[in-house]
PDB file of all heavy atoms in Angstrom:
ATOM      1  N   LEU A   1       0.841  -1.183   0.000  1.00  0.00           N
ATOM      2  CA  LEU A   1       0.000   0.000   0.000  1.00  0.00           C
ATOM      3  C   LEU A   1       0.879   1.237   0.000  1.00  0.00           C
ATOM      4  O   LEU A   1       1.670   1.445   0.929  1.00  0.00           O
ATOM      5  CB  LEU A   1      -0.928  -0.004   1.218  1.00  0.00           C
ATOM      6  CG  LEU A   1      -1.877  -1.211   1.338  1.00  0.00           C
ATOM      7  CD1 LEU A   1      -2.803  -1.037   2.542  1.00  0.00           C
ATOM      8  CD2 LEU A   1      -2.682  -1.396   0.064  1.00  0.00           C
ATOM      9  N   VAL A   2       0.755   2.040  -1.039  1.00  0.00           N
ATOM     10  CA  VAL A   2       1.591   3.234  -1.188  1.00  0.00           C
ATOM     11  C   VAL A   2       1.100   4.341  -0.258  1.00  0.00           C
ATOM     12  O   VAL A   2       1.879   4.972   0.447  1.00  0.00           O
ATOM     13  CB  VAL A   2       1.579   3.713  -2.651  1.00  0.00           C
ATOM     14  CG1 VAL A   2       2.410   4.996  -2.800  1.00  0.00           C
ATOM     15  CG2 VAL A   2       2.084   2.621  -3.580  1.00  0.00           C
ATOM     16  N   CYS A   3      -0.211   4.576  -0.251  1.00  0.00           N
ATOM     17  CA  CYS A   3      -0.803   5.592   0.619  1.00  0.00           C
ATOM     18  C   CYS A   3      -2.316   5.445   0.593  1.00  0.00           C
ATOM     19  O   CYS A   3      -2.867   4.709  -0.238  1.00  0.00           O
ATOM     20  CB  CYS A   3      -0.411   7.006   0.174  1.00  0.00           C
ATOM     21  SG  CYS A   3      -1.149   7.493  -1.410  1.00  0.00           S
ATOM     22  N   GLU A   4      -2.963   6.139   1.512  1.00  0.00           N
ATOM     23  CA  GLU A   4      -4.423   6.192   1.482  1.00  0.00           C
ATOM     24  C   GLU A   4      -4.831   7.404   0.653  1.00  0.00           C
ATOM     25  O   GLU A   4      -4.531   8.545   1.005  1.00  0.00           O
ATOM     26  CB  GLU A   4      -4.990   6.293   2.901  1.00  0.00           C
ATOM     27  CG  GLU A   4      -6.505   6.135   2.951  1.00  0.00           C
ATOM     28  CD  GLU A   4      -7.048   6.069   4.369  1.00  0.00           C
ATOM     29  OE1 GLU A   4      -6.440   6.684   5.275  1.00  0.00           O
ATOM     30  OE2 GLU A   4      -8.083   5.401   4.573  1.00  0.00           O
ATOM     31  N   ALA A   5      -5.495   7.150  -0.447  1.00  0.00           N
ATOM     32  CA  ALA A   5      -5.862   8.229  -1.358  1.00  0.00           C
ATOM     33  C   ALA A   5      -7.086   8.991  -0.877  1.00  0.00           C
ATOM     34  O   ALA A   5      -7.190  10.211  -1.058  1.00  0.00           O
ATOM     35  CB  ALA A   5      -6.127   7.664  -2.755  1.00  0.00           C
ATOM     36  N   GLU A   6      -8.035   8.281  -0.269  1.00  0.00           N
ATOM     37  CA  GLU A   6      -9.270   8.904   0.199  1.00  0.00           C
ATOM     38  C   GLU A   6      -9.761   8.128   1.418  1.00  0.00           C
ATOM     39  O   GLU A   6     -10.105   6.961   1.311  1.00  0.00           O
ATOM     40  CB  GLU A   6     -10.337   8.889  -0.905  1.00  0.00           C
ATOM     41  CG  GLU A   6     -11.719   9.325  -0.473  1.00  0.00           C
ATOM     42  CD  GLU A   6     -11.736  10.713   0.133  1.00  0.00           C
ATOM     43  OE1 GLU A   6     -11.345  11.669  -0.561  1.00  0.00           O
ATOM     44  OE2 GLU A   6     -12.121  10.832   1.322  1.00  0.00           O
ATOM     45  N   PRO A   7      -9.792   8.766   2.591  1.00  0.00           N
ATOM     46  CA  PRO A   7     -10.154   8.029   3.813  1.00  0.00           C
ATOM     47  C   PRO A   7     -11.653   7.861   4.041  1.00  0.00           C
ATOM     48  O   PRO A   7     -12.066   7.036   4.843  1.00  0.00           O
ATOM     49  CB  PRO A   7      -9.548   8.889   4.926  1.00  0.00           C
ATOM     50  CG  PRO A   7      -9.584  10.277   4.360  1.00  0.00           C
ATOM     51  CD  PRO A   7      -9.333  10.133   2.886  1.00  0.00           C
ATOM     52  N   ASN A   8     -12.465   8.641   3.359  1.00  0.00           N
ATOM     53  CA  ASN A   8     -13.890   8.653   3.718  1.00  0.00           C
ATOM     54  C   ASN A   8     -14.779   8.756   2.483  1.00  0.00           C
ATOM     55  O   ASN A   8     -15.317   9.820   2.174  1.00  0.00           O
ATOM     56  CB  ASN A   8     -14.178   9.808   4.673  1.00  0.00           C
ATOM     57  CG  ASN A   8     -15.606   9.796   5.186  1.00  0.00           C
ATOM     58  OD1 ASN A   8     -16.270   8.764   5.192  1.00  0.00           O
ATOM     59  ND2 ASN A   8     -16.084  10.964   5.594  1.00  0.00           N
ATOM     60  N   VAL A   9     -14.934   7.647   1.795  1.00  0.00           N
ATOM     61  CA  VAL A   9     -15.904   7.580   0.708  1.00  0.00           C
ATOM     62  C   VAL A   9     -17.238   7.141   1.299  1.00  0.00           C
ATOM     63  O   VAL A   9     -17.311   6.136   2.004  1.00  0.00           O
ATOM     64  CB  VAL A   9     -15.460   6.580  -0.384  1.00  0.00           C
ATOM     65  CG1 VAL A   9     -16.516   6.483  -1.483  1.00  0.00           C
ATOM     66  CG2 VAL A   9     -14.124   6.993  -0.968  1.00  0.00           C
ATOM     67  N   LYS A  10     -18.286   7.887   1.025  1.00  0.00           N
ATOM     68  CA  LYS A  10     -19.603   7.586   1.589  1.00  0.00           C
ATOM     69  C   LYS A  10     -20.366   6.616   0.679  1.00  0.00           C
ATOM     70  O   LYS A  10     -20.337   6.757  -0.545  1.00  0.00           O
ATOM     71  CB  LYS A  10     -20.404   8.872   1.761  1.00  0.00           C
ATOM     72  CG  LYS A  10     -19.776   9.870   2.720  1.00  0.00           C
ATOM     73  CD  LYS A  10     -20.557  11.157   2.792  1.00  0.00           C
ATOM     74  CE  LYS A  10     -20.400  12.013   1.537  1.00  0.00           C
ATOM     75  NZ  LYS A  10     -19.037  12.548   1.376  1.00  0.00           N
ATOM     76  N   ILE A  11     -21.025   5.642   1.295  1.00  0.00           N
ATOM     77  CA  ILE A  11     -21.969   4.790   0.576  1.00  0.00           C
ATOM     78  C   ILE A  11     -23.342   5.371   0.829  1.00  0.00           C
ATOM     79  O   ILE A  11     -23.783   5.475   1.979  1.00  0.00           O
ATOM     80  CB  ILE A  11     -21.915   3.331   1.059  1.00  0.00           C
ATOM     81  CG1 ILE A  11     -20.494   2.786   0.989  1.00  0.00           C
ATOM     82  CG2 ILE A  11     -22.859   2.463   0.220  1.00  0.00           C
ATOM     83  CD1 ILE A  11     -20.331   1.418   1.623  1.00  0.00           C
ATOM     84  N   LEU A  12     -24.026   5.786  -0.224  1.00  0.00           N
ATOM     85  CA  LEU A  12     -25.297   6.487  -0.086  1.00  0.00           C
ATOM     86  C   LEU A  12     -26.437   5.712  -0.745  1.00  0.00           C
ATOM     87  O   LEU A  12     -26.257   5.105  -1.808  1.00  0.00           O
ATOM     88  CB  LEU A  12     -25.214   7.883  -0.718  1.00  0.00           C
ATOM     89  CG  LEU A  12     -24.160   8.837  -0.153  1.00  0.00           C
ATOM     90  CD1 LEU A  12     -24.187  10.144  -0.933  1.00  0.00           C
ATOM     91  CD2 LEU A  12     -24.384   9.101   1.328  1.00  0.00           C
ATOM     92  N   PHE A  13     -27.597   5.744  -0.087  1.00  0.00           N
ATOM     93  CA  PHE A  13     -28.838   5.295  -0.710  1.00  0.00           C
ATOM     94  C   PHE A  13     -29.515   6.551  -1.213  1.00  0.00           C
ATOM     95  O   PHE A  13     -29.748   7.490  -0.435  1.00  0.00           O
ATOM     96  CB  PHE A  13     -29.725   4.569   0.300  1.00  0.00           C
ATOM     97  CG  PHE A  13     -31.055   4.146  -0.267  1.00  0.00           C
ATOM     98  CD1 PHE A  13     -31.149   3.058  -1.113  1.00  0.00           C
ATOM     99  CD2 PHE A  13     -32.212   4.843   0.056  1.00  0.00           C
ATOM    100  CE1 PHE A  13     -32.373   2.657  -1.641  1.00  0.00           C
ATOM    101  CE2 PHE A  13     -33.437   4.454  -0.462  1.00  0.00           C
ATOM    102  CZ  PHE A  13     -33.519   3.355  -1.309  1.00  0.00           C
ATOM    103  N   ALA A  14     -29.818   6.612  -2.495  1.00  0.00           N
ATOM    104  CA  ALA A  14     -30.274   7.877  -3.076  1.00  0.00           C
ATOM    105  C   ALA A  14     -31.492   7.696  -3.972  1.00  0.00           C
ATOM    106  O   ALA A  14     -31.716   6.634  -4.569  1.00  0.00           O
ATOM    107  CB  ALA A  14     -29.136   8.503  -3.887  1.00  0.00           C
ATOM    108  N   CYS A  15     -32.268   8.765  -4.046  1.00  0.00           N
ATOM    109  CA  CYS A  15     -33.361   8.877  -5.006  1.00  0.00           C
ATOM    110  C   CYS A  15     -33.455  10.354  -5.385  1.00  0.00           C
ATOM    111  O   CYS A  15     -32.798  11.202  -4.774  1.00  0.00           O
ATOM    112  CB  CYS A  15     -34.685   8.394  -4.406  1.00  0.00           C
ATOM    113  SG  CYS A  15     -35.310   9.445  -3.064  1.00  0.00           S
ATOM    114  N   LEU A  16     -34.224  10.664  -6.390  1.00  0.00           N
ATOM    115  CA  LEU A  16     -34.447  12.067  -6.710  1.00  0.00           C
ATOM    116  C   LEU A  16     -35.201  12.735  -5.563  1.00  0.00           C
ATOM    117  O   LEU A  16     -36.154  12.169  -5.020  1.00  0.00           O
ATOM    118  CB  LEU A  16     -35.252  12.199  -8.001  1.00  0.00           C
ATOM    119  CG  LEU A  16     -34.512  11.930  -9.310  1.00  0.00           C
ATOM    120  CD1 LEU A  16     -35.490  11.992 -10.489  1.00  0.00           C
ATOM    121  CD2 LEU A  16     -33.377  12.925  -9.521  1.00  0.00           C
ATOM    122  N   ALA A  17     -34.790  13.933  -5.208  1.00  0.00           N
ATOM    123  CA  ALA A  17     -35.452  14.652  -4.109  1.00  0.00           C
ATOM    124  C   ALA A  17     -36.934  14.867  -4.406  1.00  0.00           C
ATOM    125  O   ALA A  17     -37.763  14.846  -3.495  1.00  0.00           O
ATOM    126  CB  ALA A  17     -34.757  15.990  -3.877  1.00  0.00           C
ATOM    127  N   THR A  18     -37.273  15.016  -5.677  1.00  0.00           N
ATOM    128  CA  THR A  18     -38.663  15.242  -6.052  1.00  0.00           C
ATOM    129  C   THR A  18     -39.519  13.996  -5.872  1.00  0.00           C
ATOM    130  O   THR A  18     -40.749  14.079  -5.905  1.00  0.00           O
ATOM    131  CB  THR A  18     -38.753  15.705  -7.518  1.00  0.00           C
ATOM    132  OG1 THR A  18     -38.076  14.750  -8.355  1.00  0.00           O
ATOM    133  CG2 THR A  18     -38.130  17.069  -7.691  1.00  0.00           C
ATOM    134  N   ARG A  19     -38.885  12.820  -5.657  1.00  0.00           N
ATOM    135  CA  ARG A  19     -39.636  11.576  -5.503  1.00  0.00           C
ATOM    136  C   ARG A  19     -39.499  10.997  -4.090  1.00  0.00           C
ATOM    137  O   ARG A  19     -39.945   9.881  -3.833  1.00  0.00           O
ATOM    138  CB  ARG A  19     -39.177  10.543  -6.523  1.00  0.00           C
ATOM    139  CG  ARG A  19     -39.366  10.955  -7.982  1.00  0.00           C
ATOM    140  CD  ARG A  19     -39.258   9.746  -8.887  1.00  0.00           C
ATOM    141  NE  ARG A  19     -40.266   8.761  -8.546  1.00  0.00           N
ATOM    142  CZ  ARG A  19     -40.148   7.452  -8.828  1.00  0.00           C
ATOM    143  NH1 ARG A  19     -39.056   7.009  -9.424  1.00  0.00           N
ATOM    144  NH2 ARG A  19     -41.096   6.610  -8.484  1.00  0.00           N
ATOM    145  N   ALA A  20     -38.919  11.756  -3.186  1.00  0.00           N
ATOM    146  CA  ALA A  20     -38.628  11.240  -1.842  1.00  0.00           C
ATOM    147  C   ALA A  20     -39.880  10.910  -1.049  1.00  0.00           C
ATOM    148  O   ALA A  20     -39.824  10.123  -0.099  1.00  0.00           O
ATOM    149  CB  ALA A  20     -37.778  12.246  -1.065  1.00  0.00           C
ATOM    150  N   THR A  21     -41.041  11.493  -1.409  1.00  0.00           N
ATOM    151  CA  THR A  21     -42.279  11.219  -0.677  1.00  0.00           C
ATOM    152  C   THR A  21     -43.097  10.100  -1.303  1.00  0.00           C
ATOM    153  O   THR A  21     -44.164   9.755  -0.779  1.00  0.00           O
ATOM    154  CB  THR A  21     -43.144  12.486  -0.591  1.00  0.00           C
ATOM    155  OG1 THR A  21     -43.425  12.964  -1.916  1.00  0.00           O
ATOM    156  CG2 THR A  21     -42.435  13.576   0.199  1.00  0.00           C
ATOM    157  N   ASP A  22     -42.631   9.528  -2.397  1.00  0.00           N
ATOM    158  CA  ASP A  22     -43.313   8.369  -2.976  1.00  0.00           C
ATOM    159  C   ASP A  22     -43.400   7.275  -1.914  1.00  0.00           C
ATOM    160  O   ASP A  22     -42.399   6.957  -1.262  1.00  0.00           O
ATOM    161  CB  ASP A  22     -42.526   7.870  -4.194  1.00  0.00           C
ATOM    162  CG  ASP A  22     -43.136   6.621  -4.797  1.00  0.00           C
ATOM    163  OD1 ASP A  22     -42.901   5.519  -4.247  1.00  0.00           O
ATOM    164  OD2 ASP A  22     -43.813   6.726  -5.819  1.00  0.00           O
ATOM    165  N   PRO A  23     -44.581   6.675  -1.681  1.00  0.00           N
ATOM    166  CA  PRO A  23     -44.732   5.727  -0.559  1.00  0.00           C
ATOM    167  C   PRO A  23     -43.730   4.582  -0.558  1.00  0.00           C
ATOM    168  O   PRO A  23     -43.179   4.245   0.502  1.00  0.00           O
ATOM    169  CB  PRO A  23     -46.167   5.209  -0.734  1.00  0.00           C
ATOM    170  CG  PRO A  23     -46.876   6.321  -1.437  1.00  0.00           C
ATOM    171  CD  PRO A  23     -45.863   6.916  -2.360  1.00  0.00           C
ATOM    172  N   VAL A  24     -43.475   3.980  -1.707  1.00  0.00           N
ATOM    173  CA  VAL A  24     -42.546   2.843  -1.756  1.00  0.00           C
ATOM    174  C   VAL A  24     -41.117   3.311  -1.505  1.00  0.00           C
ATOM    175  O   VAL A  24     -40.366   2.697  -0.736  1.00  0.00           O
ATOM    176  CB  VAL A  24     -42.654   2.108  -3.105  1.00  0.00           C
ATOM    177  CG1 VAL A  24     -41.607   0.997  -3.193  1.00  0.00           C
ATOM    178  CG2 VAL A  24     -44.049   1.516  -3.284  1.00  0.00           C
ATOM    179  N   ILE A  25     -40.716   4.398  -2.151  1.00  0.00           N
ATOM    180  CA  ILE A  25     -39.363   4.926  -1.966  1.00  0.00           C
ATOM    181  C   ILE A  25     -39.167   5.399  -0.533  1.00  0.00           C
ATOM    182  O   ILE A  25     -38.128   5.144   0.086  1.00  0.00           O
ATOM    183  CB  ILE A  25     -39.091   6.078  -2.956  1.00  0.00           C
ATOM    184  CG1 ILE A  25     -39.139   5.569  -4.398  1.00  0.00           C
ATOM    185  CG2 ILE A  25     -37.735   6.726  -2.672  1.00  0.00           C
ATOM    186  CD1 ILE A  25     -39.001   6.657  -5.448  1.00  0.00           C
ATOM    187  N   ARG A  26     -40.189   6.072   0.018  1.00  0.00           N
ATOM    188  CA  ARG A  26     -40.084   6.558   1.400  1.00  0.00           C
ATOM    189  C   ARG A  26     -39.936   5.399   2.382  1.00  0.00           C
ATOM    190  O   ARG A  26     -39.157   5.486   3.337  1.00  0.00           O
ATOM    191  CB  ARG A  26     -41.323   7.383   1.760  1.00  0.00           C
ATOM    192  CG  ARG A  26     -41.263   8.001   3.168  1.00  0.00           C
ATOM    193  CD  ARG A  26     -42.460   8.858   3.462  1.00  0.00           C
ATOM    194  NE  ARG A  26     -43.673   8.073   3.505  1.00  0.00           N
ATOM    195  CZ  ARG A  26     -44.753   8.322   2.754  1.00  0.00           C
ATOM    196  NH1 ARG A  26     -44.752   9.328   1.912  1.00  0.00           N
ATOM    197  NH2 ARG A  26     -45.825   7.562   2.850  1.00  0.00           N
TER     198      ARG A  26
END
């Protein structure tokens, strides 16, 4: 291992903000 290039990559669950209130997605 040469170095740590990025210590904090986020794993995100995402949807369009305009669809966030859809019952199944919510």
